[in-house]
């Protein structure tokens, strides 16, 4: 069973990952 804190950390990690991809995409162009 996954703890809620682990889920929130995972979601935050995914959001940060997407933000990093967007920032890299913007910088590339």
N, C-alpha and C. Protein backbone atom coordinates (compact mmCIF):
# COMPACT_ATOMS: atom_id res chain seq x y z
N UNK A 1 0.84 -1.21 0.00
CA UNK A 1 0.00 0.00 0.00
C UNK A 1 0.88 1.25 0.00
N UNK A 2 0.53 2.17 -0.87
CA UNK A 2 1.33 3.39 -1.00
C UNK A 2 0.82 4.47 -0.05
N UNK A 3 1.75 5.14 0.60
CA UNK A 3 1.36 6.21 1.51
C UNK A 3 1.03 7.49 0.72
N UNK A 4 0.06 8.27 1.18
CA UNK A 4 -0.31 9.52 0.50
C UNK A 4 0.89 10.43 0.28
N UNK A 5 1.80 10.46 1.25
CA UNK A 5 2.97 11.33 1.11
C UNK A 5 3.80 10.90 -0.09
N UNK A 6 3.89 9.59 -0.32
CA UNK A 6 4.66 9.09 -1.45
C UNK A 6 3.98 9.50 -2.75
N UNK A 7 2.66 9.45 -2.75
CA UNK A 7 1.92 9.84 -3.96
C UNK A 7 2.13 11.31 -4.26
N UNK A 8 2.04 12.15 -3.24
CA UNK A 8 2.22 13.59 -3.45
C UNK A 8 3.64 13.88 -3.93
N UNK A 9 4.63 13.17 -3.35
CA UNK A 9 6.02 13.37 -3.77
C UNK A 9 6.16 12.97 -5.24
N UNK A 10 5.51 11.87 -5.62
CA UNK A 10 5.60 11.40 -7.00
C UNK A 10 4.97 12.43 -7.94
N UNK A 11 3.81 12.96 -7.56
CA UNK A 11 3.15 13.96 -8.40
C UNK A 11 4.02 15.20 -8.53
N UNK A 12 4.61 15.63 -7.43
CA UNK A 12 5.48 16.81 -7.47
C UNK A 12 6.66 16.54 -8.39
N UNK A 13 7.20 15.33 -8.33
CA UNK A 13 8.33 14.97 -9.18
C UNK A 13 7.93 15.02 -10.65
N UNK A 14 6.75 14.53 -10.96
CA UNK A 14 6.27 14.55 -12.35
C UNK A 14 6.08 15.99 -12.83
N UNK A 15 5.51 16.82 -11.96
CA UNK A 15 5.29 18.23 -12.33
C UNK A 15 6.63 18.91 -12.58
N UNK A 16 7.60 18.69 -11.69
CA UNK A 16 8.92 19.31 -11.86
C UNK A 16 9.54 18.82 -13.15
N UNK A 17 9.37 17.52 -13.45
CA UNK A 17 9.93 16.94 -14.67
C UNK A 17 9.34 17.62 -15.90
N UNK A 18 8.02 17.82 -15.90
CA UNK A 18 7.36 18.48 -17.03
C UNK A 18 7.82 19.92 -17.15
N UNK A 19 7.95 20.61 -16.02
CA UNK A 19 8.41 22.00 -16.05
C UNK A 19 9.82 22.08 -16.63
N UNK A 20 10.68 21.12 -16.25
CA UNK A 20 12.05 21.11 -16.77
C UNK A 20 12.04 20.89 -18.27
N UNK A 21 11.19 19.98 -18.74
CA UNK A 21 11.10 19.72 -20.18
C UNK A 21 10.63 20.97 -20.90
N UNK A 22 9.63 21.65 -20.34
CA UNK A 22 9.12 22.87 -20.98
C UNK A 22 10.20 23.94 -21.02
N UNK A 23 10.92 24.13 -19.94
CA UNK A 23 11.96 25.16 -19.89
C UNK A 23 13.07 24.84 -20.90
N UNK A 24 13.44 23.56 -21.00
CA UNK A 24 14.47 23.17 -21.97
C UNK A 24 13.97 23.41 -23.39
N UNK A 25 12.71 23.09 -23.64
CA UNK A 25 12.12 23.28 -24.97
C UNK A 25 12.13 24.76 -25.34
N UNK A 26 11.77 25.62 -24.36
CA UNK A 26 11.75 27.07 -24.61
C UNK A 26 13.16 27.58 -24.87
N UNK A 27 14.12 27.12 -24.09
CA UNK A 27 15.50 27.57 -24.26
C UNK A 27 16.07 27.10 -25.59
N UNK A 28 15.67 25.89 -26.03
CA UNK A 28 16.17 25.35 -27.30
C UNK A 28 15.73 26.24 -28.46
N UNK A 29 14.56 26.86 -28.31
CA UNK A 29 14.05 27.72 -29.38
C UNK A 29 14.20 29.17 -28.96
